[in-house]
């Protein structure tokens, strides 16, 4: 805002929990300009979406003067005090909104709580958020367990964690491949037009099969393999689709319900490549969980060792049937 320029005469008040960028867009609508046009008039420098993540004092002072607000009030509309993990999982460019909250409004409001990568519902109206990035989510269902998983992920991002098992460990497991990347099977391409199914670029492309597809098998129907964009790193989750994040929320809750059962099913679906990856991860999990895995499926973590035991008198059979969870190095070598 130019020196000595009067404050804007009409400034709609922000809604509770509204994001700074959302509020500035609604102010710009009053004057029939874009948010960028309002920025040029007021004179702040950093784009509004960046200000939400990393507020700049001089920019906030200019906006505060133009809107007759306080800097503290503007700070409350940003994510400046959120933990680093939470900020890393923000969808700053998300356009998700609640039809109930925005009924009768020219532009839907966007709230801070909806910017988190695992926010799928409006708690006030108890209905799903509307977004163009949720294709396939309806095929996943399991509404209540998805909500449970989303709440667990929110607590974790805000600095809490599960008493049973680290949420980071669960996400790493769900994103880990259970098989070596390979071309899609014919049934995996069934959703494509017939002509596309035989394109050399599609037939030769190698796809990952993450453990998520075992814990949440309906994910393979909701998001076909040729559309999946699941990363291998947790930090890249904001770049995935809404359906993929929704499936991860379901997966986190299901693993926490029975970690040993989930691991057994994942290992049984794994090839040698995937088994080594998964075993390396779970060997850092609590001893009680690893022991439960060994009790439920003694040979799962050491595929084929039982056959070797039958032909070698030097193998201790009792250790084959119930491998020690306190010896992860041997487990990894045998896997």
C-alpha atoms as a PDB file:
ATOM      1  CA  UNK A   1       0.000   0.000   0.000  1.00  0.00           C
ATOM      2  CA  UNK A   2       1.408   3.344  -0.969  1.00  0.00           C
ATOM      3  CA  UNK A   3       2.589   5.647   1.765  1.00  0.00           C
ATOM      4  CA  UNK A   4      -0.286   7.714   3.107  1.00  0.00           C
ATOM      5  CA  UNK A   5      -2.934   5.710   1.229  1.00  0.00           C
ATOM      6  CA  UNK A   6      -6.185   5.390   3.165  1.00  0.00           C
ATOM      7  CA  UNK A   7      -7.325   1.948   4.374  1.00  0.00           C
ATOM      8  CA  UNK A   8      -9.782   0.036   2.220  1.00  0.00           C
ATOM      9  CA  UNK A   9     -13.288   1.332   2.960  1.00  0.00           C
ATOM     10  CA  UNK A  10     -15.006  -2.086   2.877  1.00  0.00           C
ATOM     11  CA  UNK A  11     -13.350  -5.162   4.390  1.00  0.00           C
ATOM     12  CA  UNK A  12     -15.454  -8.260   5.123  1.00  0.00           C
ATOM     13  CA  UNK A  13     -14.477  -9.855   8.447  1.00  0.00           C
ATOM     14  CA  UNK A  14     -12.646 -13.192   8.341  1.00  0.00           C
ATOM     15  CA  UNK A  15     -14.499 -16.358   9.260  1.00  0.00           C
ATOM     16  CA  UNK A  16     -13.296 -18.423  12.224  1.00  0.00           C
ATOM     17  CA  UNK A  17     -10.211 -20.442  11.191  1.00  0.00           C
ATOM     18  CA  UNK A  18     -10.196 -18.869   7.704  1.00  0.00           C
ATOM     19  CA  UNK A  19      -6.913 -18.849   5.820  1.00  0.00           C
ATOM     20  CA  UNK A  20      -5.244 -15.539   5.008  1.00  0.00           C
ATOM     21  CA  UNK A  21      -5.296 -16.251   1.259  1.00  0.00           C
ATOM     22  CA  UNK A  22      -9.021 -17.063   1.379  1.00  0.00           C
ATOM     23  CA  UNK A  23      -9.814 -13.844   3.220  1.00  0.00           C
ATOM     24  CA  UNK A  24      -7.723 -11.738   0.824  1.00  0.00           C
ATOM     25  CA  UNK A  25      -9.537 -13.301  -2.141  1.00  0.00           C
ATOM     26  CA  UNK A  26     -12.892 -12.336  -0.651  1.00  0.00           C
ATOM     27  CA  UNK A  27     -11.652  -8.781  -0.076  1.00  0.00           C
ATOM     28  CA  UNK A  28     -10.477  -8.637  -3.703  1.00  0.00           C
ATOM     29  CA  UNK A  29     -13.950  -9.765  -4.847  1.00  0.00           C
ATOM     30  CA  UNK A  30     -15.454  -6.676  -3.185  1.00  0.00           C
ATOM     31  CA  UNK A  31     -13.383  -4.472  -5.493  1.00  0.00           C
ATOM     32  CA  UNK A  32     -13.774  -6.723  -8.575  1.00  0.00           C
ATOM     33  CA  UNK A  33     -10.047  -7.438  -8.833  1.00  0.00           C
ATOM     34  CA  UNK A  34      -7.913 -10.558  -8.496  1.00  0.00           C
ATOM     35  CA  UNK A  35      -5.933 -11.351  -5.363  1.00  0.00           C
ATOM     36  CA  UNK A  36      -2.818 -10.329  -7.316  1.00  0.00           C
ATOM     37  CA  UNK A  37      -4.470  -7.044  -8.209  1.00  0.00           C
ATOM     38  CA  UNK A  38      -5.214  -6.404  -4.543  1.00  0.00           C
ATOM     39  CA  UNK A  39      -1.591  -7.256  -3.747  1.00  0.00           C
ATOM     40  CA  UNK A  40      -0.334  -4.634  -6.202  1.00  0.00           C
ATOM     41  CA  UNK A  41      -2.673  -2.020  -4.717  1.00  0.00           C
ATOM     42  CA  UNK A  42      -1.786  -2.733  -1.098  1.00  0.00           C
ATOM     43  CA  UNK A  43       1.892  -3.330  -1.832  1.00  0.00           C
ATOM     44  CA  UNK A  44       2.804  -6.512   0.021  1.00  0.00           C
ATOM     45  CA  UNK A  45       5.608  -8.517  -1.642  1.00  0.00           C
ATOM     46  CA  UNK A  46       5.429 -12.236  -0.905  1.00  0.00           C
ATOM     47  CA  UNK A  47       2.497 -14.175  -2.465  1.00  0.00           C
ATOM     48  CA  UNK A  48      -0.341 -14.879  -0.039  1.00  0.00           C
ATOM     49  CA  UNK A  49       0.153 -18.660  -0.104  1.00  0.00           C
ATOM     50  CA  UNK A  50       3.793 -18.226   0.900  1.00  0.00           C
ATOM     51  CA  UNK A  51       2.841 -15.758   3.617  1.00  0.00           C
ATOM     52  CA  UNK A  52       0.624 -18.417   5.166  1.00  0.00           C
ATOM     53  CA  UNK A  53       3.576 -20.752   5.535  1.00  0.00           C
ATOM     54  CA  UNK A  54       6.315 -18.201   6.281  1.00  0.00           C
ATOM     55  CA  UNK A  55       4.846 -14.827   7.324  1.00  0.00           C
ATOM     56  CA  UNK A  56       6.916 -11.713   6.637  1.00  0.00           C
ATOM     57  CA  UNK A  57       6.442  -8.940   9.178  1.00  0.00           C
ATOM     58  CA  UNK A  58       6.617  -6.036   6.705  1.00  0.00           C
ATOM     59  CA  UNK A  59       4.053  -7.660   4.406  1.00  0.00           C
ATOM     60  CA  UNK A  60       1.694  -8.343   7.311  1.00  0.00           C
ATOM     61  CA  UNK A  61       2.043  -4.729   8.466  1.00  0.00           C
ATOM     62  CA  UNK A  62       1.013  -3.464   5.022  1.00  0.00           C
ATOM     63  CA  UNK A  63      -2.009  -5.790   4.901  1.00  0.00           C
ATOM     64  CA  UNK A  64      -2.948  -4.865   8.481  1.00  0.00           C
ATOM     65  CA  UNK A  65      -2.834  -1.145   7.655  1.00  0.00           C
ATOM     66  CA  UNK A  66      -4.912  -1.619   4.496  1.00  0.00           C
ATOM     67  CA  UNK A  67      -7.572  -3.711   6.253  1.00  0.00           C
ATOM     68  CA  UNK A  68      -7.601  -1.914   9.637  1.00  0.00           C
ATOM     69  CA  UNK A  69      -6.527  -5.175  11.278  1.00  0.00           C
ATOM     70  CA  UNK A  70      -3.719  -6.127  13.639  1.00  0.00           C
ATOM     71  CA  UNK A  71      -0.643  -8.134  12.724  1.00  0.00           C
ATOM     72  CA  UNK A  72      -1.541 -10.656  15.437  1.00  0.00           C
ATOM     73  CA  UNK A  73      -4.947 -11.189  13.883  1.00  0.00           C
ATOM     74  CA  UNK A  74      -3.317 -11.851  10.526  1.00  0.00           C
ATOM     75  CA  UNK A  75      -0.776 -14.225  12.066  1.00  0.00           C
ATOM     76  CA  UNK A  76      -3.662 -16.276  13.451  1.00  0.00           C
ATOM     77  CA  UNK A  77      -4.752 -16.872   9.838  1.00  0.00           C
ATOM     78  CA  UNK A  78      -1.384 -18.435   8.911  1.00  0.00           C
ATOM     79  CA  UNK A  79       0.448 -21.651   9.849  1.00  0.00           C
ATOM     80  CA  UNK A  80       3.360 -19.861  11.534  1.00  0.00           C
ATOM     81  CA  UNK A  81       2.977 -21.730  14.848  1.00  0.00           C
ATOM     82  CA  UNK A  82       2.303 -25.215  13.421  1.00  0.00           C
ATOM     83  CA  UNK A  83       4.937 -27.962  13.903  1.00  0.00           C
ATOM     84  CA  UNK A  84       7.328 -28.527  11.001  1.00  0.00           C
ATOM     85  CA  UNK A  85       5.824 -31.960  10.263  1.00  0.00           C
ATOM     86  CA  UNK A  86       2.355 -30.429   9.949  1.00  0.00           C
ATOM     87  CA  UNK A  87       3.612 -27.673   7.637  1.00  0.00           C
ATOM     88  CA  UNK A  88       5.317 -30.283   5.460  1.00  0.00           C
ATOM     89  CA  UNK A  89       1.930 -31.961   4.945  1.00  0.00           C
ATOM     90  CA  UNK A  90       0.008 -28.845   3.942  1.00  0.00           C
ATOM     91  CA  UNK A  91      -1.835 -28.498   0.641  1.00  0.00           C
ATOM     92  CA  UNK A  92      -1.430 -24.740   0.300  1.00  0.00           C
ATOM     93  CA  UNK A  93      -3.026 -24.639  -3.143  1.00  0.00           C
ATOM     94  CA  UNK A  94      -5.973 -26.834  -2.120  1.00  0.00           C
ATOM     95  CA  UNK A  95      -9.389 -25.564  -3.180  1.00  0.00           C
ATOM     96  CA  UNK A  96     -11.329 -27.983  -0.970  1.00  0.00           C
ATOM     97  CA  UNK A  97     -14.432 -26.489   0.627  1.00  0.00           C
ATOM     98  CA  UNK A  98     -17.591 -27.397   2.490  1.00  0.00           C
ATOM     99  CA  UNK A  99     -20.857 -26.651   0.640  1.00  0.00           C
ATOM    100  CA  UNK A 100     -22.613 -26.113   3.978  1.00  0.00           C
ATOM    101  CA  UNK A 101     -20.092 -23.529   5.180  1.00  0.00           C
ATOM    102  CA  UNK A 102     -20.161 -21.686   1.857  1.00  0.00           C
ATOM    103  CA  UNK A 103     -23.890 -21.780   1.134  1.00  0.00           C
ATOM    104  CA  UNK A 104     -25.005 -18.495  -0.440  1.00  0.00           C
ATOM    105  CA  UNK A 105     -21.477 -17.132  -0.785  1.00  0.00           C
ATOM    106  CA  UNK A 106     -19.963 -15.816  -3.996  1.00  0.00           C
ATOM    107  CA  UNK A 107     -16.671 -17.561  -3.227  1.00  0.00           C
ATOM    108  CA  UNK A 108     -16.348 -20.596  -0.935  1.00  0.00           C
ATOM    109  CA  UNK A 109     -14.338 -19.947   2.188  1.00  0.00           C
ATOM    110  CA  UNK A 110     -11.243 -22.069   2.829  1.00  0.00           C
ATOM    111  CA  UNK A 111     -10.256 -22.896   6.391  1.00  0.00           C
ATOM    112  CA  UNK A 112      -6.824 -23.620   7.828  1.00  0.00           C
ATOM    113  CA  UNK A 113      -7.862 -27.032   9.130  1.00  0.00           C
ATOM    114  CA  UNK A 114      -8.833 -28.093   5.596  1.00  0.00           C
ATOM    115  CA  UNK A 115      -5.309 -27.481   4.242  1.00  0.00           C
ATOM    116  CA  UNK A 116      -3.865 -30.523   6.026  1.00  0.00           C
ATOM    117  CA  UNK A 117      -3.184 -33.380   3.593  1.00  0.00           C
ATOM    118  CA  UNK A 118      -5.411 -35.767   5.577  1.00  0.00           C
ATOM    119  CA  UNK A 119      -8.414 -33.481   6.092  1.00  0.00           C
ATOM    120  CA  UNK A 120     -11.416 -34.901   4.273  1.00  0.00           C
ATOM    121  CA  UNK A 121     -14.447 -33.638   6.224  1.00  0.00           C
ATOM    122  CA  UNK A 122     -16.066 -30.542   7.638  1.00  0.00           C
ATOM    123  CA  UNK A 123     -16.499 -31.260  11.331  1.00  0.00           C
ATOM    124  CA  UNK A 124     -19.151 -28.550  11.682  1.00  0.00           C
ATOM    125  CA  UNK A 125     -21.515 -29.960   9.052  1.00  0.00           C
ATOM    126  CA  UNK A 126     -20.263 -33.562   9.268  1.00  0.00           C
ATOM    127  CA  UNK A 127     -19.956 -33.966   5.532  1.00  0.00           C
ATOM    128  CA  UNK A 128     -17.099 -34.593   3.077  1.00  0.00           C
ATOM    129  CA  UNK A 129     -15.182 -31.653   1.667  1.00  0.00           C
ATOM    130  CA  UNK A 130     -15.659 -31.007  -2.042  1.00  0.00           C
ATOM    131  CA  UNK A 131     -12.522 -31.078  -4.172  1.00  0.00           C
ATOM    132  CA  UNK A 132     -11.584 -31.805  -7.764  1.00  0.00           C
ATOM    133  CA  UNK A 133      -8.765 -34.031  -6.476  1.00  0.00           C
ATOM    134  CA  UNK A 134     -10.820 -36.805  -4.842  1.00  0.00           C
ATOM    135  CA  UNK A 135     -11.623 -38.971  -7.867  1.00  0.00           C
ATOM    136  CA  UNK A 136     -11.869 -42.603  -6.762  1.00  0.00           C
ATOM    137  CA  UNK A 137     -12.252 -41.873  -3.044  1.00  0.00           C
ATOM    138  CA  UNK A 138     -15.927 -42.887  -3.056  1.00  0.00           C
ATOM    139  CA  UNK A 139     -14.934 -46.413  -4.129  1.00  0.00           C
ATOM    140  CA  UNK A 140     -12.899 -46.832  -0.942  1.00  0.00           C
ATOM    141  CA  UNK A 141     -15.761 -46.482   1.524  1.00  0.00           C
ATOM    142  CA  UNK A 142     -14.936 -47.458   5.132  1.00  0.00           C
ATOM    143  CA  UNK A 143     -15.964 -43.973   6.237  1.00  0.00           C
ATOM    144  CA  UNK A 144     -15.523 -44.375   9.992  1.00  0.00           C
ATOM    145  CA  UNK A 145     -12.141 -46.075   9.913  1.00  0.00           C
ATOM    146  CA  UNK A 146     -10.931 -43.462   7.413  1.00  0.00           C
ATOM    147  CA  UNK A 147     -11.962 -40.754   9.886  1.00  0.00           C
ATOM    148  CA  UNK A 148     -10.168 -42.602  12.648  1.00  0.00           C
ATOM    149  CA  UNK A 149      -7.017 -42.823  10.543  1.00  0.00           C
ATOM    150  CA  UNK A 150      -7.216 -39.140   9.623  1.00  0.00           C
ATOM    151  CA  UNK A 151      -7.472 -38.197  13.300  1.00  0.00           C
ATOM    152  CA  UNK A 152      -4.452 -40.366  14.122  1.00  0.00           C
ATOM    153  CA  UNK A 153      -2.472 -38.703  11.329  1.00  0.00           C
ATOM    154  CA  UNK A 154      -3.486 -35.238  12.514  1.00  0.00           C
ATOM    155  CA  UNK A 155      -2.331 -35.934  16.081  1.00  0.00           C
ATOM    156  CA  UNK A 156       0.941 -37.313  14.745  1.00  0.00           C
ATOM    157  CA  UNK A 157       1.545 -34.270  12.528  1.00  0.00           C
ATOM    158  CA  UNK A 158       0.891 -31.986  15.497  1.00  0.00           C
ATOM    159  CA  UNK A 159       3.564 -33.740  17.549  1.00  0.00           C
ATOM    160  CA  UNK A 160       1.690 -36.658  19.117  1.00  0.00           C
ATOM    161  CA  UNK A 161       1.929 -40.334  18.211  1.00  0.00           C
ATOM    162  CA  UNK A 162       0.273 -43.695  18.732  1.00  0.00           C
ATOM    163  CA  UNK A 163       1.062 -45.556  21.954  1.00  0.00           C
ATOM    164  CA  UNK A 164       1.232 -48.842  20.046  1.00  0.00           C
ATOM    165  CA  UNK A 165       3.407 -48.005  17.059  1.00  0.00           C
ATOM    166  CA  UNK A 166       4.945 -44.939  15.449  1.00  0.00           C
ATOM    167  CA  UNK A 167       2.754 -43.496  12.691  1.00  0.00           C
ATOM    168  CA  UNK A 168       5.922 -42.747  10.703  1.00  0.00           C
ATOM    169  CA  UNK A 169       6.766 -46.458  10.797  1.00  0.00           C
ATOM    170  CA  UNK A 170       3.281 -47.388   9.566  1.00  0.00           C
ATOM    171  CA  UNK A 171       3.417 -44.915   6.684  1.00  0.00           C
ATOM    172  CA  UNK A 172       6.873 -46.162   5.688  1.00  0.00           C
ATOM    173  CA  UNK A 173       5.500 -49.717   5.641  1.00  0.00           C
ATOM    174  CA  UNK A 174       2.428 -48.804   3.570  1.00  0.00           C
ATOM    175  CA  UNK A 175       4.598 -46.977   1.015  1.00  0.00           C
ATOM    176  CA  UNK A 176       7.157 -49.783   0.815  1.00  0.00           C
ATOM    177  CA  UNK A 177       7.001 -52.028  -2.275  1.00  0.00           C
ATOM    178  CA  UNK A 178       5.938 -55.640  -1.762  1.00  0.00           C
ATOM    179  CA  UNK A 179       7.174 -56.686  -5.172  1.00  0.00           C
ATOM    180  CA  UNK A 180       9.844 -55.572  -7.569  1.00  0.00           C
ATOM    181  CA  UNK A 181       8.501 -53.062 -10.078  1.00  0.00           C
ATOM    182  CA  UNK A 182       7.145 -54.827 -13.164  1.00  0.00           C
ATOM    183  CA  UNK A 183       4.784 -54.247 -16.114  1.00  0.00           C
ATOM    184  CA  UNK A 184       1.057 -54.268 -15.444  1.00  0.00           C
ATOM    185  CA  UNK A 185      -0.932 -57.466 -15.808  1.00  0.00           C
ATOM    186  CA  UNK A 186      -3.780 -57.409 -18.368  1.00  0.00           C
ATOM    187  CA  UNK A 187      -6.433 -57.166 -15.636  1.00  0.00           C
ATOM    188  CA  UNK A 188      -4.638 -54.141 -14.162  1.00  0.00           C
ATOM    189  CA  UNK A 189      -5.097 -52.286 -17.461  1.00  0.00           C
ATOM    190  CA  UNK A 190      -8.762 -53.236 -17.910  1.00  0.00           C
ATOM    191  CA  UNK A 191      -9.946 -49.704 -17.164  1.00  0.00           C
ATOM    192  CA  UNK A 192      -8.041 -48.238 -20.098  1.00  0.00           C
ATOM    193  CA  UNK A 193      -9.533 -48.030 -23.599  1.00  0.00           C
ATOM    194  CA  UNK A 194      -8.700 -51.228 -25.478  1.00  0.00           C
ATOM    195  CA  UNK A 195      -6.449 -49.397 -27.918  1.00  0.00           C
ATOM    196  CA  UNK A 196      -4.389 -47.908 -25.069  1.00  0.00           C
ATOM    197  CA  UNK A 197      -3.921 -51.269 -23.360  1.00  0.00           C
ATOM    198  CA  UNK A 198      -1.641 -52.400 -26.173  1.00  0.00           C
ATOM    199  CA  UNK A 199       0.469 -49.264 -26.494  1.00  0.00           C
ATOM    200  CA  UNK A 200       4.156 -50.187 -26.117  1.00  0.00           C
ATOM    201  CA  UNK A 201       4.717 -47.353 -23.628  1.00  0.00           C
ATOM    202  CA  UNK A 202       2.012 -48.757 -21.334  1.00  0.00           C
ATOM    203  CA  UNK A 203       2.890 -52.437 -21.800  1.00  0.00           C
ATOM    204  CA  UNK A 204       6.568 -51.822 -21.020  1.00  0.00           C
ATOM    205  CA  UNK A 205       6.121 -49.407 -18.112  1.00  0.00           C
ATOM    206  CA  UNK A 206       7.157 -50.841 -14.742  1.00  0.00           C
ATOM    207  CA  UNK A 207       4.814 -50.139 -11.824  1.00  0.00           C
ATOM    208  CA  UNK A 208       5.349 -50.213  -8.058  1.00  0.00           C
ATOM    209  CA  UNK A 209       3.095 -52.369  -5.842  1.00  0.00           C
ATOM    210  CA  UNK A 210       3.104 -50.713  -2.406  1.00  0.00           C
ATOM    211  CA  UNK A 211       2.056 -52.544   0.758  1.00  0.00           C
ATOM    212  CA  UNK A 212      -0.976 -50.250   0.872  1.00  0.00           C
ATOM    213  CA  UNK A 213      -2.560 -52.417  -1.837  1.00  0.00           C
ATOM    214  CA  UNK A 214      -2.459 -55.393   0.543  1.00  0.00           C
ATOM    215  CA  UNK A 215      -3.807 -53.617   3.625  1.00  0.00           C
ATOM    216  CA  UNK A 216      -6.403 -51.693   1.576  1.00  0.00           C
ATOM    217  CA  UNK A 217      -7.077 -53.994  -1.412  1.00  0.00           C
ATOM    218  CA  UNK A 218      -9.982 -51.834  -2.578  1.00  0.00           C
ATOM    219  CA  UNK A 219      -7.408 -49.153  -3.376  1.00  0.00           C
ATOM    220  CA  UNK A 220      -6.471 -51.090  -6.524  1.00  0.00           C
ATOM    221  CA  UNK A 221     -10.034 -50.605  -7.789  1.00  0.00           C
ATOM    222  CA  UNK A 222     -10.384 -46.997  -6.649  1.00  0.00           C
ATOM    223  CA  UNK A 223      -7.096 -45.900  -8.243  1.00  0.00           C
ATOM    224  CA  UNK A 224      -5.896 -48.067 -11.170  1.00  0.00           C
ATOM    225  CA  UNK A 225      -2.213 -48.887 -11.193  1.00  0.00           C
ATOM    226  CA  UNK A 226      -1.534 -46.622 -14.190  1.00  0.00           C
ATOM    227  CA  UNK A 227      -2.922 -43.636 -12.245  1.00  0.00           C
ATOM    228  CA  UNK A 228      -1.243 -44.288  -8.899  1.00  0.00           C
ATOM    229  CA  UNK A 229       1.286 -41.685  -7.793  1.00  0.00           C
ATOM    230  CA  UNK A 230       2.174 -42.933  -4.329  1.00  0.00           C
ATOM    231  CA  UNK A 231       5.689 -41.778  -3.432  1.00  0.00           C
ATOM    232  CA  UNK A 232       8.268 -43.737  -1.480  1.00  0.00           C
ATOM    233  CA  UNK A 233       8.904 -40.832   0.944  1.00  0.00           C
ATOM    234  CA  UNK A 234       6.445 -39.474   3.517  1.00  0.00           C
ATOM    235  CA  UNK A 235       7.474 -35.896   2.738  1.00  0.00           C
ATOM    236  CA  UNK A 236       6.093 -36.250  -0.807  1.00  0.00           C
ATOM    237  CA  UNK A 237       2.560 -37.190   0.294  1.00  0.00           C
ATOM    238  CA  UNK A 238       1.048 -33.737  -0.430  1.00  0.00           C
ATOM    239  CA  UNK A 239       1.702 -34.376  -4.139  1.00  0.00           C
ATOM    240  CA  UNK A 240      -0.573 -37.429  -4.214  1.00  0.00           C
ATOM    241  CA  UNK A 241      -4.269 -37.494  -5.078  1.00  0.00           C
ATOM    242  CA  UNK A 242      -7.024 -37.238  -2.497  1.00  0.00           C
ATOM    243  CA  UNK A 243      -8.017 -40.887  -3.014  1.00  0.00           C
ATOM    244  CA  UNK A 244      -4.467 -42.039  -2.312  1.00  0.00           C
ATOM    245  CA  UNK A 245      -4.281 -40.021   0.899  1.00  0.00           C
ATOM    246  CA  UNK A 246      -7.735 -41.280   1.895  1.00  0.00           C
ATOM    247  CA  UNK A 247      -6.552 -44.866   1.362  1.00  0.00           C
ATOM    248  CA  UNK A 248      -3.471 -44.197   3.498  1.00  0.00           C
ATOM    249  CA  UNK A 249      -5.704 -42.961   6.330  1.00  0.00           C
ATOM    250  CA  UNK A 250      -7.652 -46.225   6.120  1.00  0.00           C
ATOM    251  CA  UNK A 251      -4.400 -48.177   6.019  1.00  0.00           C
ATOM    252  CA  UNK A 252      -2.957 -46.482   9.106  1.00  0.00           C
ATOM    253  CA  UNK A 253      -6.082 -47.258  11.136  1.00  0.00           C
ATOM    254  CA  UNK A 254      -6.217 -50.885   9.942  1.00  0.00           C
ATOM    255  CA  UNK A 255      -2.556 -51.526  10.751  1.00  0.00           C
ATOM    256  CA  UNK A 256      -3.001 -50.099  14.245  1.00  0.00           C
ATOM    257  CA  UNK A 257      -6.023 -52.369  14.799  1.00  0.00           C
ATOM    258  CA  UNK A 258      -3.838 -55.473  14.363  1.00  0.00           C
ATOM    259  CA  UNK A 259      -0.205 -54.770  13.361  1.00  0.00           C
ATOM    260  CA  UNK A 260       0.859 -58.432  13.359  1.00  0.00           C
ATOM    261  CA  UNK A 261      -1.972 -59.506  11.052  1.00  0.00           C
ATOM    262  CA  UNK A 262      -1.187 -56.681   8.623  1.00  0.00           C
ATOM    263  CA  UNK A 263       2.498 -57.615   8.522  1.00  0.00           C
ATOM    264  CA  UNK A 264       1.770 -61.300   7.968  1.00  0.00           C
ATOM    265  CA  UNK A 265      -0.540 -60.540   5.053  1.00  0.00           C
ATOM    266  CA  UNK A 266       2.009 -58.129   3.541  1.00  0.00           C
ATOM    267  CA  UNK A 267       4.843 -60.653   3.824  1.00  0.00           C
ATOM    268  CA  UNK A 268       2.710 -63.417   2.308  1.00  0.00           C
ATOM    269  CA  UNK A 269       1.972 -61.172  -0.684  1.00  0.00           C
ATOM    270  CA  UNK A 270       5.627 -60.171  -1.116  1.00  0.00           C
ATOM    271  CA  UNK A 271       8.280 -61.551  -3.410  1.00  0.00           C
ATOM    272  CA  UNK A 272      11.924 -61.845  -2.306  1.00  0.00           C
ATOM    273  CA  UNK A 273      12.611 -58.199  -3.193  1.00  0.00           C
ATOM    274  CA  UNK A 274       9.639 -56.903  -1.233  1.00  0.00           C
ATOM    275  CA  UNK A 275      10.184 -59.279   1.687  1.00  0.00           C
ATOM    276  CA  UNK A 276      13.660 -57.889   2.279  1.00  0.00           C
ATOM    277  CA  UNK A 277      12.325 -54.329   2.181  1.00  0.00           C
ATOM    278  CA  UNK A 278       9.479 -55.061   4.571  1.00  0.00           C
ATOM    279  CA  UNK A 279      11.601 -57.135   6.941  1.00  0.00           C
ATOM    280  CA  UNK A 280      14.176 -54.351   7.202  1.00  0.00           C
ATOM    281  CA  UNK A 281      11.385 -51.998   8.287  1.00  0.00           C
ATOM    282  CA  UNK A 282       9.609 -54.226  10.794  1.00  0.00           C
ATOM    283  CA  UNK A 283      12.851 -55.346  12.443  1.00  0.00           C
ATOM    284  CA  UNK A 284      12.831 -51.889  14.028  1.00  0.00           C
ATOM    285  CA  UNK A 285       9.273 -52.333  15.330  1.00  0.00           C
ATOM    286  CA  UNK A 286       8.467 -53.237  18.964  1.00  0.00           C
ATOM    287  CA  UNK A 287       9.535 -56.726  20.002  1.00  0.00           C
ATOM    288  CA  UNK A 288       6.004 -57.689  21.026  1.00  0.00           C
ATOM    289  CA  UNK A 289       4.698 -57.083  17.504  1.00  0.00           C
ATOM    290  CA  UNK A 290       7.558 -58.977  15.849  1.00  0.00           C
ATOM    291  CA  UNK A 291       7.052 -61.892  18.209  1.00  0.00           C
ATOM    292  CA  UNK A 292       3.337 -61.947  17.344  1.00  0.00           C
ATOM    293  CA  UNK A 293       4.231 -62.085  13.656  1.00  0.00           C
ATOM    294  CA  UNK A 294       6.521 -65.052  14.228  1.00  0.00           C
ATOM    295  CA  UNK A 295       3.872 -66.888  16.257  1.00  0.00           C
ATOM    296  CA  UNK A 296       1.186 -66.440  13.603  1.00  0.00           C
ATOM    297  CA  UNK A 297       3.347 -67.394  10.633  1.00  0.00           C
ATOM    298  CA  UNK A 298       6.682 -68.897  11.690  1.00  0.00           C
ATOM    299  CA  UNK A 299       7.966 -69.361   8.135  1.00  0.00           C
ATOM    300  CA  UNK A 300       6.665 -66.128   6.636  1.00  0.00           C
ATOM    301  CA  UNK A 301       9.706 -64.032   7.451  1.00  0.00           C
ATOM    302  CA  UNK A 302      12.129 -66.820   6.432  1.00  0.00           C
ATOM    303  CA  UNK A 303      10.564 -68.243   3.321  1.00  0.00           C
ATOM    304  CA  UNK A 304      11.902 -71.715   2.584  1.00  0.00           C
ATOM    305  CA  UNK A 305      13.880 -72.187   5.810  1.00  0.00           C
ATOM    306  CA  UNK A 306      11.609 -75.015   6.893  1.00  0.00           C
ATOM    307  CA  UNK A 307      12.597 -77.014   3.808  1.00  0.00           C
ATOM    308  CA  UNK A 308      16.294 -76.482   4.575  1.00  0.00           C
ATOM    309  CA  UNK A 309      15.727 -77.642   8.143  1.00  0.00           C
ATOM    310  CA  UNK A 310      14.313 -80.943   6.955  1.00  0.00           C
ATOM    311  CA  UNK A 311      17.517 -81.813   5.081  1.00  0.00           C
ATOM    312  CA  UNK A 312      20.184 -80.385   7.400  1.00  0.00           C
ATOM    313  CA  UNK A 313      20.819 -82.054  10.796  1.00  0.00           C
ATOM    314  CA  UNK A 314      22.783 -79.011  11.941  1.00  0.00           C
ATOM    315  CA  UNK A 315      19.700 -76.719  11.865  1.00  0.00           C
ATOM    316  CA  UNK A 316      17.937 -76.192  15.181  1.00  0.00           C
ATOM    317  CA  UNK A 317      14.292 -76.954  14.293  1.00  0.00           C
ATOM    318  CA  UNK A 318      12.867 -75.155  17.305  1.00  0.00           C
ATOM    319  CA  UNK A 319      14.482 -71.934  16.153  1.00  0.00           C
ATOM    320  CA  UNK A 320      13.114 -72.434  12.657  1.00  0.00           C
ATOM    321  CA  UNK A 321       9.540 -72.756  13.922  1.00  0.00           C
ATOM    322  CA  UNK A 322       9.782 -69.784  16.258  1.00  0.00           C
ATOM    323  CA  UNK A 323      12.567 -67.435  15.106  1.00  0.00           C
ATOM    324  CA  UNK A 324      13.873 -65.002  17.715  1.00  0.00           C
ATOM    325  CA  UNK A 325      12.712 -61.423  17.246  1.00  0.00           C
ATOM    326  CA  UNK A 326      15.856 -60.308  19.082  1.00  0.00           C
ATOM    327  CA  UNK A 327      18.104 -61.233  16.166  1.00  0.00           C
ATOM    328  CA  UNK A 328      17.070 -58.849  13.331  1.00  0.00           C
ATOM    329  CA  UNK A 329      20.412 -59.146  11.586  1.00  0.00           C
ATOM    330  CA  UNK A 330      19.886 -62.849  10.968  1.00  0.00           C
ATOM    331  CA  UNK A 331      16.288 -62.287   9.856  1.00  0.00           C
ATOM    332  CA  UNK A 332      17.439 -59.809   7.224  1.00  0.00           C
ATOM    333  CA  UNK A 333      20.200 -62.117   6.007  1.00  0.00           C
ATOM    334  CA  UNK A 334      17.841 -65.084   5.693  1.00  0.00           C
ATOM    335  CA  UNK A 335      15.062 -63.000   4.078  1.00  0.00           C
END
